[in-house]
Amino acid sequence: MDLLIASFSIGLGAIASFVFDLTRMKAKVKGKKNKNKKNQKDENYFDANNNNSDFQMMKNELDSLEIERTIISSSIRKIHETFREGKLNKLEFDRLMIKYSDDLRKCDEEIEETRSVVDLYELSSVKNNLVSIIENKIKLIDNRLNEISNKNIKMLTKQPTYVTGSQSYEQSSLNRGNLDNSLSIEAEKIKKLESEITEALKKLDNYESTKLSQAGKNEMLENDRPISGRLNGSNKKDPLRNLKLSN
């Protein structure tokens, strides 16, 4: 029964290792294909507007790496449980922990690199949308202000006509009413612009909150493997000591 459980743990680890190696091979092939394209551009050039397909591909790769990390973490927890139950000897436990701890470290590095690229795409998209909204609204306000200014200039340059007191009062009331109406319309447009900017900033805040939440989850997973960090040092340096302990 102990041999069956140990074999199951080893098999699960082999599957996780195979998935990890396959993902790394795909990433290397993709890097070779895009190498010539990257050499043709400036070193610090990045365009988030015309790379929607690349952005989706990077998001899919990040999801795949997250699933892979979950599998490796689950394997590490299973190895700990098997060892605590006395169904796995110390030497085999150390060997498996060294292997899967290294796989988990490599997977974390891949996730961090891929997430940085995805964050760059998303933040660039939010920035471009916000700038575009503000620029368009400013143009509309400028055009409207020019129209109002031109109307007022024309009214001032008109030749004065002699009218009665009642006609003058009606004309001034009409002009004042038109001006008040125009100002109220512009005020509504400005309020609408403020609400759109506030909504865009809320989306950006929600994105930052999601990112911090994801970082907290990753930290919790790191705490699930308290022994693996030490095994990379002491157990790897003196495997004969582990053999003596198991005997």
Foldseek 3Di string as FASTA:
>chain_A
DLVVLLVVLVVLVVVLVVLLVVLVVVVVVVCVVCVVVCVVDDVPDDDLPPPPVVLVVLVVSLVSLVVSLVSLLVSLLSLVVCVVVVSDAQLSSLVVLLVSVVSNVVSVVVNVVSVVVNVVSVVVVLVVVLVVLVVVLVVVLVVLVVVVVVVVVVVVPDDDDDDDPVVVVVVVVVVVVVVVVSVVVSVVSVVVSVVVNVVSVVVVVVVVVVVVVVVVVVVVSVVSNVCSVVSNPPCVVDVVVSVVVRD
